Protein backbone atom coordinates (compact mmCIF):
# COMPACT_ATOMS: atom_id res chain seq x y z
CA UNK A 1 13.83 -8.17 -8.56
CA UNK A 2 9.90 -7.14 -8.88
CA UNK A 3 8.83 -10.48 -8.16
CA UNK A 4 11.16 -10.34 -4.97
CA UNK A 5 9.96 -6.96 -4.32
CA UNK A 6 6.21 -8.32 -4.52
CA UNK A 7 6.44 -11.17 -2.48
CA UNK A 8 7.92 -8.66 0.24
CA UNK A 9 4.90 -6.50 -0.47
CA UNK A 10 2.89 -9.81 0.19
CA UNK A 11 4.03 -11.10 3.14
CA UNK A 12 3.83 -7.18 4.68
CA UNK A 13 0.08 -6.95 3.81
CA UNK A 14 -0.60 -11.04 5.10
CA UNK A 15 1.16 -10.26 8.56
CA UNK A 16 -0.88 -6.57 9.12
CA UNK A 17 -4.15 -7.98 7.79
CA UNK A 18 -3.86 -11.36 9.76
CA UNK A 19 -5.67 -9.02 12.67
CA UNK A 20 -8.77 -8.09 10.56
CA UNK A 21 -9.44 -11.52 9.46
CA UNK A 22 -9.24 -12.98 12.91
CA UNK A 23 -10.88 -9.95 14.65
CA UNK A 24 -14.41 -11.47 14.44
CA UNK A 25 -12.80 -14.34 16.82
CA UNK A 26 -10.31 -12.35 18.88
CA UNK A 27 -13.26 -10.18 20.00
CA UNK A 28 -15.55 -12.74 21.05
CA UNK A 29 -12.80 -14.46 22.59
CA UNK A 30 -11.14 -11.62 24.27
CA UNK A 31 -14.08 -9.62 24.95
CA UNK A 32 -12.72 -6.70 22.98
CA UNK A 33 -15.28 -3.74 21.98
CA UNK A 34 -15.06 -2.32 18.35
CA UNK A 35 -14.25 1.21 19.89
CA UNK A 36 -11.43 -0.53 21.78
CA UNK A 37 -10.61 -2.57 18.59
CA UNK A 38 -10.56 0.82 16.71
CA UNK A 39 -7.96 1.96 19.23
CA UNK A 40 -5.72 -1.26 18.32
CA UNK A 41 -6.05 0.07 14.43
CA UNK A 42 -5.23 3.57 15.33
CA UNK A 43 -1.90 2.10 17.44
CA UNK A 44 -0.91 0.85 13.90
CA UNK A 45 -1.63 3.82 11.98
CA UNK A 46 -0.20 5.92 14.66
CA UNK A 47 3.34 4.53 13.97
CA UNK A 48 3.27 3.93 10.38
CA UNK A 49 2.75 7.20 9.99
CA UNK A 50 6.41 7.40 11.04
CA UNK A 51 7.13 6.04 7.39
CA UNK A 52 9.62 9.19 6.82
CA UNK A 53 11.72 7.76 9.46
CA UNK A 54 11.67 4.43 7.30
CA UNK A 55 12.70 6.41 4.32
CA UNK A 56 15.57 8.28 5.77
CA UNK A 57 16.93 5.01 7.37
CA UNK A 58 16.31 3.17 3.82
CA UNK A 59 18.22 6.10 1.87
CA UNK A 60 20.89 5.86 4.50
CA UNK A 61 21.72 2.41 5.66
CA UNK A 62 21.13 1.56 1.92
CA UNK A 63 18.33 -0.26 0.71
CA UNK A 64 19.70 -4.17 1.20
CA UNK A 65 20.25 -3.67 4.69
CA UNK A 66 18.01 -1.30 5.72
CA UNK A 67 14.73 -3.26 4.49
CA UNK A 68 15.89 -6.67 6.23
CA UNK A 69 15.94 -5.27 9.22
CA UNK A 70 12.64 -3.91 9.28
CA UNK A 71 11.19 -7.08 7.50
CA UNK A 72 12.85 -9.35 10.06
CA UNK A 73 11.49 -6.87 12.67
CA UNK A 74 7.82 -6.80 11.33
CA UNK A 75 7.87 -11.16 11.31
CA UNK A 76 9.14 -11.55 14.99
CA UNK A 77 6.42 -9.00 16.31
CA UNK A 78 3.59 -10.70 14.14
CA UNK A 79 4.74 -13.86 15.79
CA UNK A 80 4.44 -12.31 19.21
CA UNK A 81 0.43 -11.17 18.44
CA UNK A 82 -0.10 -15.09 19.36
CA UNK A 83 0.93 -14.36 22.73
CA UNK A 84 -1.38 -11.34 23.37
CA UNK A 85 -3.93 -11.80 26.01
CA UNK A 86 -5.97 -8.56 25.95
CA UNK A 87 -6.62 -5.38 23.73
CA UNK A 88 -3.78 -3.09 25.35
CA UNK A 89 -1.19 -5.58 24.55
CA UNK A 90 -2.54 -5.83 20.70
CA UNK A 91 -2.12 -1.96 20.56
CA UNK A 92 1.31 -2.01 21.82
CA UNK A 93 2.26 -5.02 19.54
CA UNK A 94 -0.22 -2.96 16.61
CA UNK A 95 2.22 0.06 17.19
CA UNK A 96 5.40 -1.66 16.69
CA UNK A 97 4.34 -3.68 13.86
CA UNK A 98 3.47 -0.14 11.96
CA UNK A 99 6.37 1.31 12.90
CA UNK A 100 8.53 -1.69 10.73
CA UNK A 101 5.91 -2.47 8.15
CA UNK A 102 6.39 1.24 7.18
CA UNK A 103 9.06 0.71 5.23
CA UNK A 104 7.80 -1.67 2.77
CA UNK A 105 6.39 1.16 0.23
CA UNK A 106 9.62 3.43 0.38
CA UNK A 107 11.74 0.43 0.14
CA UNK A 108 9.69 -0.68 -3.25
CA UNK A 109 9.64 2.72 -4.61
CA UNK A 110 13.42 2.98 -3.94
CA UNK A 111 14.00 -0.55 -5.58
CA UNK A 112 11.65 0.67 -8.40
CA UNK A 113 13.48 3.79 -9.23
CA UNK A 114 16.79 2.02 -9.02
CA UNK A 115 15.91 -0.85 -11.65
CA UNK A 116 13.49 0.52 -14.18
CA UNK A 117 13.32 3.28 -16.69
CA UNK A 118 10.93 5.87 -15.99
CA UNK A 119 8.48 4.83 -18.55
CA UNK A 120 8.28 1.24 -17.28
CA UNK A 121 8.23 2.42 -13.44
CA UNK A 122 4.58 2.69 -13.51
CA UNK A 123 4.24 -0.66 -14.52
CA UNK A 124 6.58 -1.94 -12.41
CA UNK A 125 4.83 0.03 -9.24
CA UNK A 126 1.74 -2.13 -10.31
CA UNK A 127 3.42 -5.06 -10.19
CA UNK A 128 4.93 -4.14 -6.98
CA UNK A 129 1.54 -3.09 -5.41
CA UNK A 130 -0.08 -6.32 -6.72
CA UNK A 131 1.80 -7.61 -3.66
CA UNK A 132 -0.66 -5.22 -1.19
CA UNK A 133 -3.82 -6.84 -2.69
CA UNK A 134 -2.48 -10.78 -2.78
CA UNK A 135 -1.29 -10.43 0.81
CA UNK A 136 -4.62 -9.28 1.63
CA UNK A 137 -6.49 -11.57 -0.49
CA UNK A 138 -4.61 -14.21 0.84
CA UNK A 139 -5.10 -13.55 4.50
CA UNK A 140 -8.83 -14.60 4.72
CA UNK A 141 -8.31 -18.10 3.01
CA UNK A 142 -4.98 -18.68 5.08
CA UNK A 143 -5.97 -17.20 8.33
CA UNK A 144 -9.91 -19.05 8.53
CA UNK A 145 -8.33 -22.08 7.72
CA UNK A 146 -5.62 -22.00 10.62
CA UNK A 147 -8.29 -20.92 12.99
CA UNK A 148 -10.37 -23.61 12.11
CA UNK A 149 -7.99 -26.22 12.16
CA UNK A 150 -5.79 -24.79 15.16
CA UNK A 151 -6.98 -21.48 16.77
CA UNK A 152 -6.67 -17.24 15.95
CA UNK A 153 -2.72 -17.40 18.11
CA UNK A 154 -1.40 -20.08 15.51
CA UNK A 155 -2.41 -17.99 12.26
CA UNK A 156 -0.04 -15.00 13.98
CA UNK A 157 2.92 -17.48 14.00
CA UNK A 158 2.23 -18.69 10.56
CA UNK A 159 2.14 -15.58 8.78
CA UNK A 160 5.07 -13.81 10.87
CA UNK A 161 7.29 -17.35 9.80
CA UNK A 162 6.38 -16.38 6.23
CA UNK A 163 8.09 -13.25 6.97
CA UNK A 164 11.41 -14.99 8.12
CA UNK A 165 11.57 -16.95 5.24
CA UNK A 166 11.31 -14.00 2.81
CA UNK A 167 14.05 -11.88 4.53
CA UNK A 168 16.27 -15.09 4.07
CA UNK A 169 15.53 -14.68 0.25
CA UNK A 170 15.82 -10.93 0.06
CA UNK A 171 19.30 -11.04 1.74
CA UNK A 172 20.53 -13.72 -0.83
CA UNK A 173 18.99 -12.44 -4.32
CA UNK A 174 18.82 -8.50 -3.72
CA UNK A 175 21.56 -6.47 -5.00
CA UNK A 176 21.12 -2.73 -6.94
CA UNK A 177 22.02 -3.06 -10.51
CA UNK A 178 25.51 -1.31 -9.96
CA UNK A 179 25.73 -4.62 -8.15
CA UNK A 180 24.33 -7.45 -9.52
CA UNK A 181 26.70 -9.79 -11.17
CA UNK A 182 24.01 -11.45 -13.73
CA UNK A 183 23.11 -7.92 -15.15
CA UNK A 184 24.99 -7.40 -18.20
CA UNK A 185 26.22 -4.22 -19.28
CA UNK A 186 24.07 -3.49 -21.85
CA UNK A 187 21.13 -4.17 -19.47
CA UNK A 188 22.49 -1.76 -17.34
CA UNK A 189 23.07 1.10 -19.64
CA UNK A 190 19.84 0.55 -20.72
CA UNK A 191 18.41 1.15 -17.19
CA UNK A 192 20.95 4.17 -16.98
CA UNK A 193 19.85 5.73 -20.17
CA UNK A 194 16.16 5.59 -19.20
CA UNK A 195 16.12 7.22 -16.21
CA UNK A 196 15.93 11.09 -15.17
CA UNK A 197 19.37 12.67 -15.72
CA UNK A 198 18.34 15.44 -13.29
CA UNK A 199 16.89 13.12 -10.81
CA UNK A 200 19.80 10.70 -10.28
CA UNK A 201 20.80 12.55 -7.12
CA UNK A 202 24.40 13.23 -5.90
CA UNK A 203 24.24 10.81 -2.99
CA UNK A 204 23.54 13.00 -0.34
CA UNK A 205 21.24 12.63 2.42
CA UNK A 206 17.56 14.11 1.63
CA UNK A 207 16.74 17.12 3.15
CA UNK A 208 13.25 16.84 4.62
CA UNK A 209 12.21 20.54 5.23
CA UNK A 210 13.36 21.31 1.58
CA UNK A 211 11.22 18.70 0.58
CA UNK A 212 8.21 20.28 2.68
CA UNK A 213 8.44 23.51 1.01
CA UNK A 214 7.86 21.60 -2.44
CA UNK A 215 4.42 21.81 -3.92
CA UNK A 216 4.89 18.75 -5.90
CA UNK A 217 5.15 17.00 -2.59
CA UNK A 218 2.21 18.32 -1.12
CA UNK A 219 0.18 17.56 -4.49
CA UNK A 220 1.00 13.78 -4.26
CA UNK A 221 0.91 13.81 -0.31
CA UNK A 222 -2.91 15.43 0.12
CA UNK A 223 -4.47 12.98 -2.52
CA UNK A 224 -2.90 10.01 -0.93
CA UNK A 225 -4.62 11.34 2.62
CA UNK A 226 -7.88 11.48 1.05
CA UNK A 227 -7.42 8.03 -0.96
CA UNK A 228 -5.74 6.09 1.43
CA UNK A 229 -9.01 5.72 4.01
CA UNK A 230 -10.29 3.42 1.03
CA UNK A 231 -7.73 0.74 1.85
CA UNK A 232 -7.85 0.66 5.21
CA UNK A 233 -11.56 0.37 5.11
CA UNK A 234 -11.09 -2.63 3.10
CA UNK A 235 -8.03 -3.84 4.91
CA UNK A 236 -9.21 -3.53 9.03
CA UNK A 237 -13.02 -3.52 8.76
CA UNK A 238 -14.44 -5.23 5.79
CA UNK A 239 -14.57 -8.92 7.70
CA UNK A 240 -16.46 -6.87 10.88
CA UNK A 241 -18.47 -5.25 8.27
CA UNK A 242 -19.69 -8.43 6.72
CA UNK A 243 -20.08 -9.72 10.13
CA UNK A 244 -21.80 -7.58 11.95
CA UNK A 245 -24.18 -5.91 9.06
CA UNK A 246 -24.33 -8.31 6.25
CA UNK A 247 -24.71 -11.46 8.91
CA UNK A 248 -21.72 -13.44 7.34
CA UNK A 249 -20.31 -16.40 8.97
CA UNK A 250 -16.74 -17.27 9.01
CA UNK A 251 -16.57 -19.48 6.54
CA UNK A 252 -18.79 -16.82 4.36
CA UNK A 253 -15.79 -14.19 4.92
CA UNK A 254 -13.39 -16.81 3.90
CA UNK A 255 -15.19 -16.98 0.46
CA UNK A 256 -16.07 -13.30 -0.28
CA UNK A 257 -13.52 -11.01 1.70
CA UNK A 258 -10.37 -11.62 -0.28
CA UNK A 259 -12.29 -10.75 -3.48
CA UNK A 260 -12.03 -6.84 -3.24
CA UNK A 261 -8.50 -7.47 -3.14
CA UNK A 262 -8.45 -9.61 -6.51
CA UNK A 263 -10.14 -6.84 -8.45
CA UNK A 264 -7.50 -4.42 -6.57
CA UNK A 265 -4.70 -6.58 -8.44
CA UNK A 266 -6.48 -5.91 -11.43
CA UNK A 267 -6.55 -2.30 -10.78
CA UNK A 268 -2.64 -2.34 -10.40
CA UNK A 269 -2.27 -3.35 -13.69
CA UNK A 270 -4.84 -0.98 -15.15
CA UNK A 271 -3.36 1.84 -13.60
CA UNK A 272 0.08 1.42 -15.19
CA UNK A 273 -1.60 0.26 -18.49
CA UNK A 274 -3.75 3.75 -19.11
CA UNK A 275 -0.67 5.65 -18.16
CA UNK A 276 1.41 3.88 -21.01
CA UNK A 277 -1.84 3.94 -23.48
CA UNK A 278 -2.26 7.87 -22.90
CA UNK A 279 1.35 8.38 -23.54
CA UNK A 280 1.44 6.59 -26.97
CA UNK A 281 -1.22 9.21 -27.54
CA UNK A 282 1.29 12.40 -26.60
CA UNK A 283 0.45 12.59 -23.54
CA UNK A 284 3.25 13.71 -21.12
CA UNK A 285 4.17 11.07 -18.15
CA UNK A 286 2.51 13.66 -15.49
CA UNK A 287 -0.36 13.92 -17.23
CA UNK A 288 -0.67 10.66 -17.95
CA UNK A 289 -0.52 9.66 -14.47
CA UNK A 290 -3.08 12.72 -13.23
CA UNK A 291 -5.40 11.23 -16.12
CA UNK A 292 -5.14 7.73 -14.82
CA UNK A 293 -5.90 8.99 -11.35
CA UNK A 294 -8.82 10.94 -12.06
CA UNK A 295 -10.59 7.71 -14.29
CA UNK A 296 -10.26 5.76 -10.86
CA UNK A 297 -11.67 8.86 -8.73
CA UNK A 298 -14.71 8.81 -10.85
CA UNK A 299 -14.81 4.79 -10.44
CA UNK A 300 -14.80 5.41 -6.87
CA UNK A 301 -17.96 6.72 -6.81
CA UNK A 302 -19.60 3.07 -7.01
CA UNK A 303 -18.26 2.85 -2.89
CA UNK A 304 -21.10 5.45 -2.27
CA UNK A 305 -23.95 3.06 -2.80
CA UNK A 306 -22.54 0.20 -0.79
CA UNK A 307 -24.56 0.90 1.89
CA UNK A 308 -27.69 0.97 0.26
CA UNK A 309 -28.02 -2.35 -1.78
CA UNK A 310 -30.39 -5.10 0.02
CA UNK A 311 -28.35 -8.08 -1.48
CA UNK A 312 -24.95 -8.40 0.42
CA UNK A 313 -23.54 -10.14 -2.58
CA UNK A 314 -24.26 -6.99 -4.69
CA UNK A 315 -22.27 -4.88 -1.84
CA UNK A 316 -19.53 -7.46 -1.92
CA UNK A 317 -19.45 -6.67 -6.10
CA UNK A 318 -19.59 -2.86 -5.10
CA UNK A 319 -16.58 -3.46 -3.12
CA UNK A 320 -14.90 -5.24 -5.55
CA UNK A 321 -15.19 -2.39 -7.84
CA UNK A 322 -14.12 0.14 -5.40
CA UNK A 323 -11.07 -2.10 -4.91
CA UNK A 324 -10.40 -1.91 -8.45
CA UNK A 325 -10.89 1.80 -8.59
CA UNK A 326 -8.66 2.77 -5.75
CA UNK A 327 -5.38 0.63 -6.89
CA UNK A 328 -6.00 2.30 -10.41
CA UNK A 329 -5.40 5.82 -8.60
CA UNK A 330 -3.43 4.72 -5.73
CA UNK A 331 -0.58 3.13 -8.06
CA UNK A 332 -0.28 6.30 -10.21
CA UNK A 333 0.21 8.67 -7.30
CA UNK A 334 2.51 6.87 -5.36
CA UNK A 335 4.86 6.09 -8.70
CA UNK A 336 5.12 9.92 -8.77
CA UNK A 337 7.54 10.39 -6.14
CA UNK A 338 9.93 8.48 -8.33
CA UNK A 339 8.97 10.72 -11.28
CA UNK A 340 9.39 14.66 -9.11
CA UNK A 341 12.08 13.58 -6.72
CA UNK A 342 15.90 12.45 -7.14
CA UNK A 343 16.94 8.94 -6.57
CA UNK A 344 18.42 9.32 -2.85
CA UNK A 345 15.26 11.28 -2.16
CA UNK A 346 12.22 8.83 -3.17
CA UNK A 347 12.43 6.41 -0.21
CA UNK A 348 11.71 9.75 1.98
CA UNK A 349 8.99 11.48 -0.43
CA UNK A 350 7.20 8.13 -0.53
CA UNK A 351 7.45 7.57 3.36
CA UNK A 352 6.60 11.23 3.71
CA UNK A 353 3.24 10.81 1.57
CA UNK A 354 2.79 7.33 3.24
CA UNK A 355 2.35 9.36 6.39
CA UNK A 356 -0.28 11.32 4.99
CA UNK A 357 -2.14 8.81 3.83
CA UNK A 358 -1.89 6.60 7.02
CA UNK A 359 -2.99 10.09 9.06
CA UNK A 360 -5.91 9.78 6.55
CA UNK A 361 -6.55 6.21 7.64
CA UNK A 362 -6.17 7.54 11.12
CA UNK A 363 -8.77 9.71 11.11
CA UNK A 364 -11.21 7.39 9.68
CA UNK A 365 -10.47 4.51 11.88
CA UNK A 366 -11.17 7.03 14.85
CA UNK A 367 -14.57 7.86 13.25
CA UNK A 368 -15.45 4.61 12.58
CA UNK A 369 -14.95 3.18 15.82
CA UNK A 370 -16.66 5.96 17.80
CA UNK A 371 -19.61 6.32 15.33
CA UNK A 372 -20.39 3.30 13.68
CA UNK A 373 -22.67 2.18 16.65
CA UNK A 374 -24.94 4.87 16.47
CA UNK A 375 -24.63 5.97 12.61
CA UNK A 376 -23.62 2.59 10.80
CA UNK A 377 -21.35 2.32 8.16
CA UNK A 378 -23.28 4.01 5.28
CA UNK A 379 -22.13 7.78 5.85
CA UNK A 380 -18.34 6.33 5.66
CA UNK A 381 -19.06 4.33 2.22
CA UNK A 382 -20.69 7.91 1.08
CA UNK A 383 -17.29 9.53 1.88
CA UNK A 384 -15.60 7.34 0.63
CA UNK A 385 -17.00 7.72 -2.99
CA UNK A 386 -16.19 11.34 -3.20
CA UNK A 387 -12.73 12.08 -1.38
CA UNK A 388 -10.90 10.78 -4.25
CA UNK A 389 -12.56 13.51 -6.65
CA UNK A 390 -11.32 16.18 -4.33
CA UNK A 391 -7.89 14.18 -4.64
CA UNK A 392 -7.96 14.49 -8.38
CA UNK A 393 -8.72 18.37 -8.01
CA UNK A 394 -5.35 18.67 -5.88
CA UNK A 395 -3.32 16.54 -8.27
CA UNK A 396 -3.85 18.68 -11.18
CA UNK A 397 -3.61 22.21 -9.35
CA UNK A 398 -0.24 21.49 -7.22
CA UNK A 399 1.77 18.94 -9.25
CA UNK A 400 4.12 20.50 -11.66
CA UNK A 401 6.37 18.83 -14.28
CA UNK A 402 9.87 19.37 -14.84
CA UNK A 403 10.76 20.85 -17.78
CA UNK A 404 14.24 18.59 -18.38
CA UNK A 405 13.68 16.09 -21.06
CA UNK A 406 14.18 12.59 -20.60
CA UNK A 407 16.90 10.54 -22.70
CA UNK A 408 15.54 8.06 -25.19
CA UNK A 409 15.73 4.49 -24.23
CA UNK A 410 18.41 2.72 -26.16
CA UNK A 411 16.58 -0.73 -27.03
CA UNK A 412 12.88 -1.49 -27.02
CA UNK A 413 10.71 -0.67 -23.95
CA UNK A 414 10.53 -3.80 -22.07
CA UNK A 415 6.75 -3.83 -20.22
CA UNK A 416 7.89 -6.29 -17.74
């Protein structure tokens, strides 16, 4: 199940990253300015902020059907990008893509909450989030290859077509633990025994206003608002930064733009490993997650120096460390929605927190699009180096642990 989810996340981020990699070619071909490009990006960010709607649909329709609908939609919309001929058409398509792709994180967290005991959930979420890094990592290699051999239009058709294939795999293989025919009764009992009894839910639809009144929601949503601009910068602006500031050509971008996402893959696993290590030393689950977030926030300071180094390869190295640090903290705060809320609320809470995160990306995109021509990228990298430290303070201040004890697992804990 986690491999299936990870593949879906790879496709999700591959399709959303296709535009960023092709941007230097598209902007030149269609005479699109940096400010118009930021508007295209913000059309995506504006609609992906509707993640609570995606989560609500997933909680209502069920994970299997709901995620299949969203995934086939984003695949077909991605293919349609190949027929766009101006920035307005791209903006409309990116808006539709953001609405469909906003389902990925709520679906992943809902599936992780269903399939994994609490003590394994952090590592499982790390594996799922590797998909985001791998998709963003594969995009420069695949998209540049398609552009060089065909054209930028074909790149969108190829990545969208891969999404259609994944939907077929999802529909064929996914089932909940209660229905999966290959799951033994012992395995089913192990999953149930390792989950928090007070968070199992009662099958009712989530109450959004009730969630908004809880300090735990804001304790994980506000750090995401502060953290997610880093991922937006790496995903949407890195190829343009390497092209315009570091003067990389298309082939050099293909050789380097994927490296921060390899580091981010390692960060996904590192965050979960830090949580497990702290728990073994007697730290509670929530405090272990906060500790991992704080460690990642400390490492994020490296991003502040990207604009000051002379060597472009040193800059890429600092961006790699930033990708590692971001995923170290991001995977921990995303997982906390399944630690603090009931099973029937997880997708909705993840979507609502995702809205806050994407709001942060939207604001950052607007500022970059308007100001980069006059102030450059350096002030934005400085901001990225400090925002997560503020997020760590918010996380420690607002989040409160639930007091209900977790039942002890009945068999040896499996990490993967």
